[in-house]
Amino acid sequence: MKKRAEIIASGLVQGVGFRYYVSRHAQSLGLTGFVKNLFTGEVQTIVEGEVALIEELFLKIKIGPSHASVNNCKIIWHELKNEFNSFEVRF
């Protein structure tokens, strides 16, 4: 079953290659959407695809790249919108 999810990661998640880490993993899983930094210091990921694959990405985000330190990570599920054709890093 396909769904859409919003994932918010907080902690030391900006300036450590976090968005590119998320993008690489999302693309390798065949997911679509985007990842971007928020003014709050958090990183937001909007992703669409199979629930199991999104959950796999969520586990990767909770770990983060080697220089990151993820303190909190939450996922909010939404209905699929089929809004994206690829996965990208947004600025």
C-alpha atoms as a PDB file:
ATOM      1  CA  MET A   1       0.000   0.000   0.000  1.00  0.00           C
ATOM      2  CA  LYS A   2       1.307   3.432  -0.929  1.00  0.00           C
ATOM      3  CA  LYS A   3       1.089   6.437   1.390  1.00  0.00           C
ATOM      4  CA  ARG A   4       2.583   9.846   1.987  1.00  0.00           C
ATOM      5  CA  ALA A   5       4.536  10.761   5.106  1.00  0.00           C
ATOM      6  CA  GLU A   6       6.085  13.823   6.681  1.00  0.00           C
ATOM      7  CA  ILE A   7       9.208  13.078   8.708  1.00  0.00           C
ATOM      8  CA  ILE A   8      10.730  15.721  10.990  1.00  0.00           C
ATOM      9  CA  ALA A   9      14.219  15.156  12.387  1.00  0.00           C
ATOM     10  CA  SER A  10      15.738  17.383  15.069  1.00  0.00           C
ATOM     11  CA  GLY A  11      19.101  17.625  16.768  1.00  0.00           C
ATOM     12  CA  LEU A  12      22.377  18.265  14.954  1.00  0.00           C
ATOM     13  CA  VAL A  13      20.844  17.725  11.516  1.00  0.00           C
ATOM     14  CA  GLN A  14      21.864  20.828   9.557  1.00  0.00           C
ATOM     15  CA  GLY A  15      25.300  21.440   8.096  1.00  0.00           C
ATOM     16  CA  VAL A  16      26.291  17.766   8.333  1.00  0.00           C
ATOM     17  CA  GLY A  17      25.179  16.409   4.928  1.00  0.00           C
ATOM     18  CA  PHE A  18      21.847  15.238   6.331  1.00  0.00           C
ATOM     19  CA  ARG A  19      19.679  16.193   3.335  1.00  0.00           C
ATOM     20  CA  TYR A  20      21.991  14.422   0.886  1.00  0.00           C
ATOM     21  CA  TYR A  21      22.053  11.359   3.129  1.00  0.00           C
ATOM     22  CA  VAL A  22      18.224  11.274   3.142  1.00  0.00           C
ATOM     23  CA  SER A  23      18.078  11.884  -0.608  1.00  0.00           C
ATOM     24  CA  ARG A  24      20.499   9.023  -1.396  1.00  0.00           C
ATOM     25  CA  HIS A  25      18.536   6.556   0.730  1.00  0.00           C
ATOM     26  CA  ALA A  26      15.133   7.694  -0.574  1.00  0.00           C
ATOM     27  CA  GLN A  27      16.306   7.378  -4.183  1.00  0.00           C
ATOM     28  CA  SER A  28      17.797   3.941  -3.569  1.00  0.00           C
ATOM     29  CA  LEU A  29      14.426   2.819  -2.153  1.00  0.00           C
ATOM     30  CA  GLY A  30      12.547   4.220  -5.165  1.00  0.00           C
ATOM     31  CA  LEU A  31      10.667   6.796  -3.082  1.00  0.00           C
ATOM     32  CA  THR A  32       9.576  10.225  -4.311  1.00  0.00           C
ATOM     33  CA  GLY A  33       9.333  13.597  -2.569  1.00  0.00           C
ATOM     34  CA  PHE A  34      11.817  16.058  -1.091  1.00  0.00           C
ATOM     35  CA  VAL A  35      13.944  16.925   1.925  1.00  0.00           C
ATOM     36  CA  LYS A  36      14.685  20.444   3.165  1.00  0.00           C
ATOM     37  CA  ASN A  37      16.044  22.378   6.121  1.00  0.00           C
ATOM     38  CA  LEU A  38      13.541  24.253   8.281  1.00  0.00           C
ATOM     39  CA  PHE A  39      14.206  27.607   9.951  1.00  0.00           C
ATOM     40  CA  THR A  40      13.693  25.848  13.310  1.00  0.00           C
ATOM     41  CA  GLY A  41      16.930  23.883  12.774  1.00  0.00           C
ATOM     42  CA  GLU A  42      15.029  20.696  11.923  1.00  0.00           C
ATOM     43  CA  VAL A  43      15.001  18.762   8.659  1.00  0.00           C
ATOM     44  CA  GLN A  44      11.672  17.989   6.978  1.00  0.00           C
ATOM     45  CA  THR A  45      11.183  15.087   4.593  1.00  0.00           C
ATOM     46  CA  ILE A  46       8.005  14.685   2.549  1.00  0.00           C
ATOM     47  CA  VAL A  47       7.979  11.256   0.973  1.00  0.00           C
ATOM     48  CA  GLU A  48       5.599   9.075  -1.024  1.00  0.00           C
ATOM     49  CA  GLY A  49       5.793   5.359  -1.747  1.00  0.00           C
ATOM     50  CA  GLU A  50       5.205   1.937  -0.251  1.00  0.00           C
ATOM     51  CA  VAL A  51       4.639   2.062   3.516  1.00  0.00           C
ATOM     52  CA  ALA A  52       7.346  -0.540   4.227  1.00  0.00           C
ATOM     53  CA  LEU A  53       9.900   1.459   2.202  1.00  0.00           C
ATOM     54  CA  ILE A  54       8.976   4.713   3.954  1.00  0.00           C
ATOM     55  CA  GLU A  55       9.395   2.936   7.298  1.00  0.00           C
ATOM     56  CA  GLU A  56      12.829   1.755   6.151  1.00  0.00           C
ATOM     57  CA  LEU A  57      13.768   5.346   5.244  1.00  0.00           C
ATOM     58  CA  PHE A  58      12.450   6.513   8.644  1.00  0.00           C
ATOM     59  CA  LEU A  59      14.854   4.102  10.380  1.00  0.00           C
ATOM     60  CA  LYS A  60      17.752   5.501   8.313  1.00  0.00           C
ATOM     61  CA  ILE A  61      16.739   9.080   9.164  1.00  0.00           C
ATOM     62  CA  LYS A  62      16.640   8.217  12.889  1.00  0.00           C
ATOM     63  CA  ILE A  63      20.301   7.177  12.601  1.00  0.00           C
ATOM     64  CA  GLY A  64      21.471   9.956  10.254  1.00  0.00           C
ATOM     65  CA  PRO A  65      24.897  10.378   8.661  1.00  0.00           C
ATOM     66  CA  SER A  66      28.053   9.998  10.747  1.00  0.00           C
ATOM     67  CA  HIS A  67      28.431  13.698  11.702  1.00  0.00           C
ATOM     68  CA  ALA A  68      24.770  14.128  12.650  1.00  0.00           C
ATOM     69  CA  SER A  69      23.139  13.589  16.013  1.00  0.00           C
ATOM     70  CA  VAL A  70      19.398  12.950  15.755  1.00  0.00           C
ATOM     71  CA  ASN A  71      17.676  13.738  19.065  1.00  0.00           C
ATOM     72  CA  ASN A  72      14.094  13.277  17.920  1.00  0.00           C
ATOM     73  CA  CYS A  73      12.388  11.983  14.812  1.00  0.00           C
ATOM     74  CA  LYS A  74       8.658  11.806  14.159  1.00  0.00           C
ATOM     75  CA  ILE A  75       6.546  10.572  11.283  1.00  0.00           C
ATOM     76  CA  ILE A  76       3.089  11.801  10.327  1.00  0.00           C
ATOM     77  CA  TRP A  77       1.141   9.698   7.830  1.00  0.00           C
ATOM     78  CA  HIS A  78      -1.044  11.242   5.103  1.00  0.00           C
ATOM     79  CA  GLU A  79      -3.061  10.035   2.148  1.00  0.00           C
ATOM     80  CA  LEU A  80      -1.097   9.556  -1.076  1.00  0.00           C
ATOM     81  CA  LYS A  81      -1.215  12.563  -3.444  1.00  0.00           C
ATOM     82  CA  ASN A  82       1.071  11.240  -6.231  1.00  0.00           C
ATOM     83  CA  GLU A  83       2.610  14.702  -6.289  1.00  0.00           C
ATOM     84  CA  PHE A  84       6.225  13.820  -7.157  1.00  0.00           C
ATOM     85  CA  ASN A  85       8.138  12.153  -9.989  1.00  0.00           C
ATOM     86  CA  SER A  86      11.493  11.937  -8.184  1.00  0.00           C
ATOM     87  CA  PHE A  87      13.187  12.695  -4.890  1.00  0.00           C
ATOM     88  CA  GLU A  88      15.082  15.971  -4.505  1.00  0.00           C
ATOM     89  CA  VAL A  89      16.915  18.187  -2.052  1.00  0.00           C
ATOM     90  CA  ARG A  90      15.175  21.547  -1.668  1.00  0.00           C
ATOM     91  CA  PHE A  91      16.698  24.769  -0.430  1.00  0.00           C
END
